[in-house]
Amino acid sequence: MLTEYIDAAMRCAHYELIADERPYYGSIPDCKGVWANKSTLEECRNILREVLEDWIVVHLYDHAELPVFN
């Protein structure tokens, strides 16, 4: 169930190129504070997933509501 939730959230991720030495930027807009930027798109996706996992743990610990993803 948790893996399915993470996969659904990752499908909502937005990626863009920015003017930076780590030009790949990704975020999940419905998850405030979940973002990453890295040198490659693959690295960016991997880090974004890790940040999302940590974000979920914190929200569950705080009994905070999580956004719904389809």
PDB file of N, CA and C in Angstrom:
ATOM      1  N   MET A   1       0.830  -1.189   0.000  1.00  0.00           N
ATOM      2  CA  MET A   1       0.000   0.000   0.000  1.00  0.00           C
ATOM      3  C   MET A   1       0.879   1.259   0.000  1.00  0.00           C
ATOM      4  N   LEU A   2       1.917   1.279   0.828  1.00  0.00           N
ATOM      5  CA  LEU A   2       2.784   2.453   0.878  1.00  0.00           C
ATOM      6  C   LEU A   2       3.533   2.644  -0.438  1.00  0.00           C
ATOM      7  N   THR A   3       3.999   1.545  -1.020  1.00  0.00           N
ATOM      8  CA  THR A   3       4.700   1.629  -2.305  1.00  0.00           C
ATOM      9  C   THR A   3       3.783   2.179  -3.387  1.00  0.00           C
ATOM     10  N   GLU A   4       2.535   1.760  -3.375  1.00  0.00           N
ATOM     11  CA  GLU A   4       1.571   2.250  -4.367  1.00  0.00           C
ATOM     12  C   GLU A   4       1.328   3.747  -4.181  1.00  0.00           C
ATOM     13  N   TYR A   5       1.257   4.199  -2.932  1.00  0.00           N
ATOM     14  CA  TYR A   5       1.065   5.625  -2.654  1.00  0.00           C
ATOM     15  C   TYR A   5       2.263   6.425  -3.166  1.00  0.00           C
ATOM     16  N   ILE A   6       3.469   5.948  -2.888  1.00  0.00           N
ATOM     17  CA  ILE A   6       4.683   6.634  -3.333  1.00  0.00           C
ATOM     18  C   ILE A   6       4.738   6.671  -4.856  1.00  0.00           C
ATOM     19  N   ASP A   7       4.420   5.553  -5.499  1.00  0.00           N
ATOM     20  CA  ASP A   7       4.415   5.522  -6.966  1.00  0.00           C
ATOM     21  C   ASP A   7       3.415   6.524  -7.540  1.00  0.00           C
ATOM     22  N   ALA A   8       2.246   6.620  -6.940  1.00  0.00           N
ATOM     23  CA  ALA A   8       1.228   7.567  -7.409  1.00  0.00           C
ATOM     24  C   ALA A   8       1.706   9.002  -7.232  1.00  0.00           C
ATOM     25  N   ALA A   9       2.328   9.295  -6.097  1.00  0.00           N
ATOM     26  CA  ALA A   9       2.847  10.644  -5.860  1.00  0.00           C
ATOM     27  C   ALA A   9       3.963  10.975  -6.854  1.00  0.00           C
ATOM     28  N   MET A  10       4.823  10.011  -7.127  1.00  0.00           N
ATOM     29  CA  MET A  10       5.928  10.241  -8.068  1.00  0.00           C
ATOM     30  C   MET A  10       5.414  10.503  -9.486  1.00  0.00           C
ATOM     31  N   ARG A  11       4.269   9.932  -9.823  1.00  0.00           N
ATOM     32  CA  ARG A  11       3.685  10.204 -11.147  1.00  0.00           C
ATOM     33  C   ARG A  11       3.214  11.658 -11.260  1.00  0.00           C
ATOM     34  N   CYS A  12       3.026  12.323 -10.136  1.00  0.00           N
ATOM     35  CA  CYS A  12       2.596  13.725 -10.121  1.00  0.00           C
ATOM     36  C   CYS A  12       3.773  14.693 -10.045  1.00  0.00           C
ATOM     37  N   ALA A  13       4.987  14.151 -10.013  1.00  0.00           N
ATOM     38  CA  ALA A  13       6.181  14.995  -9.913  1.00  0.00           C
ATOM     39  C   ALA A  13       6.357  15.833 -11.171  1.00  0.00           C
ATOM     40  N   HIS A  14       6.905  17.026 -10.972  1.00  0.00           N
ATOM     41  CA  HIS A  14       7.215  17.934 -12.073  1.00  0.00           C
ATOM     42  C   HIS A  14       8.722  18.126 -12.096  1.00  0.00           C
ATOM     43  N   TYR A  15       9.284  18.092 -13.293  1.00  0.00           N
ATOM     44  CA  TYR A  15      10.725  18.262 -13.456  1.00  0.00           C
ATOM     45  C   TYR A  15      10.988  19.415 -14.406  1.00  0.00           C
ATOM     46  N   GLU A  16      12.096  20.111 -14.159  1.00  0.00           N
ATOM     47  CA  GLU A  16      12.486  21.204 -15.041  1.00  0.00           C
ATOM     48  C   GLU A  16      13.996  21.383 -14.984  1.00  0.00           C
ATOM     49  N   LEU A  17      14.512  22.024 -16.001  1.00  0.00           N
ATOM     50  CA  LEU A  17      15.923  22.394 -16.032  1.00  0.00           C
ATOM     51  C   LEU A  17      16.059  23.805 -15.509  1.00  0.00           C
ATOM     52  N   ILE A  18      16.998  23.998 -14.594  1.00  0.00           N
ATOM     53  CA  ILE A  18      17.224  25.329 -14.037  1.00  0.00           C
ATOM     54  C   ILE A  18      18.675  25.734 -14.279  1.00  0.00           C
ATOM     55  N   ALA A  19      18.952  27.008 -14.165  1.00  0.00           N
ATOM     56  CA  ALA A  19      20.311  27.516 -14.341  1.00  0.00           C
ATOM     57  C   ALA A  19      21.075  27.306 -13.034  1.00  0.00           C
ATOM     58  N   ASP A  20      21.713  26.149 -12.912  1.00  0.00           N
ATOM     59  CA  ASP A  20      22.420  25.782 -11.693  1.00  0.00           C
ATOM     60  C   ASP A  20      23.444  24.721 -12.065  1.00  0.00           C
ATOM     61  N   GLU A  21      24.433  24.504 -11.216  1.00  0.00           N
ATOM     62  CA  GLU A  21      25.401  23.445 -11.498  1.00  0.00           C
ATOM     63  C   GLU A  21      24.757  22.064 -11.370  1.00  0.00           C
ATOM     64  N   ARG A  22      23.641  21.989 -10.676  1.00  0.00           N
ATOM     65  CA  ARG A  22      22.805  20.773 -10.635  1.00  0.00           C
ATOM     66  C   ARG A  22      21.476  21.156 -11.294  1.00  0.00           C
ATOM     67  N   PRO A  23      21.408  21.045 -12.614  1.00  0.00           N
ATOM     68  CA  PRO A  23      20.314  21.662 -13.358  1.00  0.00           C
ATOM     69  C   PRO A  23      18.960  20.945 -13.330  1.00  0.00           C
ATOM     70  N   TYR A  24      18.909  19.717 -12.844  1.00  0.00           N
ATOM     71  CA  TYR A  24      17.633  19.007 -12.843  1.00  0.00           C
ATOM     72  C   TYR A  24      16.920  19.233 -11.516  1.00  0.00           C
ATOM     73  N   TYR A  25      15.746  19.836 -11.593  1.00  0.00           N
ATOM     74  CA  TYR A  25      14.951  20.166 -10.412  1.00  0.00           C
ATOM     75  C   TYR A  25      13.627  19.417 -10.504  1.00  0.00           C
ATOM     76  N   GLY A  26      13.261  18.757  -9.419  1.00  0.00           N
ATOM     77  CA  GLY A  26      11.989  18.053  -9.378  1.00  0.00           C
ATOM     78  C   GLY A  26      11.249  18.366  -8.097  1.00  0.00           C
ATOM     79  N   SER A  27       9.935  18.367  -8.179  1.00  0.00           N
ATOM     80  CA  SER A  27       9.112  18.603  -6.997  1.00  0.00           C
ATOM     81  C   SER A  27       7.783  17.879  -7.151  1.00  0.00           C
ATOM     82  N   ILE A  28       7.113  17.708  -6.025  1.00  0.00           N
ATOM     83  CA  ILE A  28       5.755  17.167  -6.010  1.00  0.00           C
ATOM     84  C   ILE A  28       4.893  18.262  -5.398  1.00  0.00           C
ATOM     85  N   PRO A  29       4.181  19.008  -6.239  1.00  0.00           N
ATOM     86  CA  PRO A  29       3.467  20.201  -5.774  1.00  0.00           C
ATOM     87  C   PRO A  29       2.514  19.982  -4.600  1.00  0.00           C
ATOM     88  N   ASP A  30       1.850  18.839  -4.534  1.00  0.00           N
ATOM     89  CA  ASP A  30       0.897  18.602  -3.447  1.00  0.00           C
ATOM     90  C   ASP A  30       1.576  18.239  -2.126  1.00  0.00           C
ATOM     91  N   CYS A  31       2.891  18.058  -2.163  1.00  0.00           N
ATOM     92  CA  CYS A  31       3.653  17.701  -0.956  1.00  0.00           C
ATOM     93  C   CYS A  31       4.630  18.837  -0.671  1.00  0.00           C
ATOM     94  N   LYS A  32       4.179  19.805   0.095  1.00  0.00           N
ATOM     95  CA  LYS A  32       4.969  21.004   0.370  1.00  0.00           C
ATOM     96  C   LYS A  32       6.337  20.632   0.961  1.00  0.00           C
ATOM     97  N   GLY A  33       7.383  21.125   0.316  1.00  0.00           N
ATOM     98  CA  GLY A  33       8.736  20.870   0.784  1.00  0.00           C
ATOM     99  C   GLY A  33       9.401  19.666   0.164  1.00  0.00           C
ATOM    100  N   VAL A  34       8.693  18.939  -0.681  1.00  0.00           N
ATOM    101  CA  VAL A  34       9.286  17.765  -1.340  1.00  0.00           C
ATOM    102  C   VAL A  34       9.853  18.212  -2.685  1.00  0.00           C
ATOM    103  N   TRP A  35      11.189  18.343  -2.719  1.00  0.00           N
ATOM    104  CA  TRP A  35      11.872  18.764  -3.935  1.00  0.00           C
ATOM    105  C   TRP A  35      13.303  18.247  -3.901  1.00  0.00           C
ATOM    106  N   ALA A  36      13.933  18.241  -5.071  1.00  0.00           N
ATOM    107  CA  ALA A  36      15.328  17.823  -5.184  1.00  0.00           C
ATOM    108  C   ALA A  36      15.923  18.463  -6.423  1.00  0.00           C
ATOM    109  N   ASN A  37      17.237  18.659  -6.410  1.00  0.00           N
ATOM    110  CA  ASN A  37      17.910  19.045  -7.646  1.00  0.00           C
ATOM    111  C   ASN A  37      19.267  18.355  -7.686  1.00  0.00           C
ATOM    112  N   LYS A  38      19.570  17.801  -8.851  1.00  0.00           N
ATOM    113  CA  LYS A  38      20.782  17.000  -9.030  1.00  0.00           C
ATOM    114  C   LYS A  38      21.343  17.202 -10.439  1.00  0.00           C
ATOM    115  N   SER A  39      22.466  16.562 -10.686  1.00  0.00           N
ATOM    116  CA  SER A  39      23.163  16.709 -11.963  1.00  0.00           C
ATOM    117  C   SER A  39      22.497  15.954 -13.107  1.00  0.00           C
ATOM    118  N   THR A  40      21.794  14.868 -12.788  1.00  0.00           N
ATOM    119  CA  THR A  40      21.098  14.099 -13.830  1.00  0.00           C
ATOM    120  C   THR A  40      19.637  13.916 -13.427  1.00  0.00           C
ATOM    121  N   LEU A  41      18.813  13.646 -14.407  1.00  0.00           N
ATOM    122  CA  LEU A  41      17.396  13.421 -14.136  1.00  0.00           C
ATOM    123  C   LEU A  41      17.206  12.181 -13.268  1.00  0.00           C
ATOM    124  N   GLU A  42      17.970  11.138 -13.534  1.00  0.00           N
ATOM    125  CA  GLU A  42      17.855   9.908 -12.745  1.00  0.00           C
ATOM    126  C   GLU A  42      18.203  10.155 -11.275  1.00  0.00           C
ATOM    127  N   GLU A  43      19.282  10.881 -11.020  1.00  0.00           N
ATOM    128  CA  GLU A  43      19.641  11.221  -9.638  1.00  0.00           C
ATOM    129  C   GLU A  43      18.541  12.054  -8.985  1.00  0.00           C
ATOM    130  N   CYS A  44      18.002  12.986  -9.738  1.00  0.00           N
ATOM    131  CA  CYS A  44      16.941  13.852  -9.216  1.00  0.00           C
ATOM    132  C   CYS A  44      15.726  13.020  -8.821  1.00  0.00           C
ATOM    133  N   ARG A  45      15.326  12.099  -9.672  1.00  0.00           N
ATOM    134  CA  ARG A  45      14.184  11.239  -9.352  1.00  0.00           C
ATOM    135  C   ARG A  45      14.442  10.395  -8.111  1.00  0.00           C
ATOM    136  N   ASN A  46      15.641   9.826  -8.018  1.00  0.00           N
ATOM    137  CA  ASN A  46      15.971   8.983  -6.864  1.00  0.00           C
ATOM    138  C   ASN A  46      15.938   9.774  -5.559  1.00  0.00           C
ATOM    139  N   ILE A  47      16.523  10.958  -5.562  1.00  0.00           N
ATOM    140  CA  ILE A  47      16.538  11.785  -4.358  1.00  0.00           C
ATOM    141  C   ILE A  47      15.131  12.276  -4.038  1.00  0.00           C
ATOM    142  N   LEU A  48      14.379  12.646  -5.061  1.00  0.00           N
ATOM    143  CA  LEU A  48      13.003  13.093  -4.842  1.00  0.00           C
ATOM    144  C   LEU A  48      12.188  11.999  -4.158  1.00  0.00           C
ATOM    145  N   ARG A  49      12.366  10.772  -4.574  1.00  0.00           N
ATOM    146  CA  ARG A  49      11.661   9.644  -3.957  1.00  0.00           C
ATOM    147  C   ARG A  49      12.066   9.493  -2.485  1.00  0.00           C
ATOM    148  N   GLU A  50      13.356   9.634  -2.192  1.00  0.00           N
ATOM    149  CA  GLU A  50      13.833   9.537  -0.803  1.00  0.00           C
ATOM    150  C   GLU A  50      13.249  10.658   0.061  1.00  0.00           C
ATOM    151  N   VAL A  51      13.232  11.861  -0.496  1.00  0.00           N
ATOM    152  CA  VAL A  51      12.659  13.002   0.241  1.00  0.00           C
ATOM    153  C   VAL A  51      11.175  12.759   0.497  1.00  0.00           C
ATOM    154  N   LEU A  52      10.470  12.254  -0.495  1.00  0.00           N
ATOM    155  CA  LEU A  52       9.049  11.948  -0.337  1.00  0.00           C
ATOM    156  C   LEU A  52       8.834  10.917   0.764  1.00  0.00           C
ATOM    157  N   GLU A  53       9.653   9.871   0.787  1.00  0.00           N
ATOM    158  CA  GLU A  53       9.512   8.842   1.819  1.00  0.00           C
ATOM    159  C   GLU A  53       9.690   9.444   3.211  1.00  0.00           C
ATOM    160  N   ASP A  54      10.707  10.281   3.385  1.00  0.00           N
ATOM    161  CA  ASP A  54      10.928  10.937   4.680  1.00  0.00           C
ATOM    162  C   ASP A  54       9.762  11.854   5.045  1.00  0.00           C
ATOM    163  N   TRP A  55       9.261  12.577   4.055  1.00  0.00           N
ATOM    164  CA  TRP A  55       8.140  13.498   4.249  1.00  0.00           C
ATOM    165  C   TRP A  55       6.909  12.724   4.734  1.00  0.00           C
ATOM    166  N   ILE A  56       6.658  11.567   4.145  1.00  0.00           N
ATOM    167  CA  ILE A  56       5.514  10.740   4.548  1.00  0.00           C
ATOM    168  C   ILE A  56       5.676  10.285   5.995  1.00  0.00           C
ATOM    169  N   VAL A  57       6.877   9.824   6.357  1.00  0.00           N
ATOM    170  CA  VAL A  57       7.119   9.361   7.724  1.00  0.00           C
ATOM    171  C   VAL A  57       6.839  10.476   8.730  1.00  0.00           C
ATOM    172  N   VAL A  58       7.326  11.668   8.442  1.00  0.00           N
ATOM    173  CA  VAL A  58       7.100  12.806   9.346  1.00  0.00           C
ATOM    174  C   VAL A  58       5.615  13.107   9.459  1.00  0.00           C
ATOM    175  N   HIS A  59       4.911  13.108   8.335  1.00  0.00           N
ATOM    176  CA  HIS A  59       3.474  13.400   8.372  1.00  0.00           C
ATOM    177  C   HIS A  59       2.699  12.325   9.143  1.00  0.00           C
ATOM    178  N   LEU A  60       3.069  11.071   8.960  1.00  0.00           N
ATOM    179  CA  LEU A  60       2.400  10.005   9.707  1.00  0.00           C
ATOM    180  C   LEU A  60       2.688  10.124  11.198  1.00  0.00           C
ATOM    181  N   TYR A  61       3.921  10.437  11.547  1.00  0.00           N
ATOM    182  CA  TYR A  61       4.290  10.610  12.960  1.00  0.00           C
ATOM    183  C   TYR A  61       3.495  11.755  13.599  1.00  0.00           C
ATOM    184  N   ASP A  62       3.313  12.823  12.833  1.00  0.00           N
ATOM    185  CA  ASP A  62       2.573  13.991  13.326  1.00  0.00           C
ATOM    186  C   ASP A  62       1.060  13.848  13.186  1.00  0.00           C
ATOM    187  N   HIS A  63       0.600  12.722  12.670  1.00  0.00           N
ATOM    188  CA  HIS A  63      -0.825  12.474  12.417  1.00  0.00           C
ATOM    189  C   HIS A  63      -1.395  13.540  11.474  1.00  0.00           C
ATOM    190  N   ALA A  64      -0.569  14.009  10.568  1.00  0.00           N
ATOM    191  CA  ALA A  64      -1.004  15.014   9.587  1.00  0.00           C
ATOM    192  C   ALA A  64      -1.666  14.306   8.399  1.00  0.00           C
ATOM    193  N   GLU A  65      -2.544  15.027   7.773  1.00  0.00           N
ATOM    194  CA  GLU A  65      -3.249  14.484   6.621  1.00  0.00           C
ATOM    195  C   GLU A  65      -2.335  14.446   5.413  1.00  0.00           C
ATOM    196  N   LEU A  66      -2.409  13.365   4.654  1.00  0.00           N
ATOM    197  CA  LEU A  66      -1.622  13.227   3.433  1.00  0.00           C
ATOM    198  C   LEU A  66      -2.507  13.516   2.222  1.00  0.00           C
ATOM    199  N   PRO A  67      -1.944  14.109   1.174  1.00  0.00           N
ATOM    200  CA  PRO A  67      -2.745  14.345  -0.027  1.00  0.00           C
ATOM    201  C   PRO A  67      -3.141  13.019  -0.692  1.00  0.00           C
ATOM    202  N   VAL A  68      -4.208  13.070  -1.444  1.00  0.00           N
ATOM    203  CA  VAL A  68      -4.689  11.888  -2.157  1.00  0.00           C
ATOM    204  C   VAL A  68      -4.166  11.935  -3.581  1.00  0.00           C
ATOM    205  N   PHE A  69      -3.598  10.816  -4.022  1.00  0.00           N
ATOM    206  CA  PHE A  69      -3.114  10.695  -5.401  1.00  0.00           C
ATOM    207  C   PHE A  69      -3.854   9.545  -6.064  1.00  0.00           C
ATOM    208  N   ASN A  70      -4.165   9.719  -7.328  1.00  0.00           N
ATOM    209  CA  ASN A  70      -4.870   8.669  -8.086  1.00  0.00           C
ATOM    210  C   ASN A  70      -3.928   7.945  -8.998  1.00  0.00           C
TER     211      ASN A  70
END
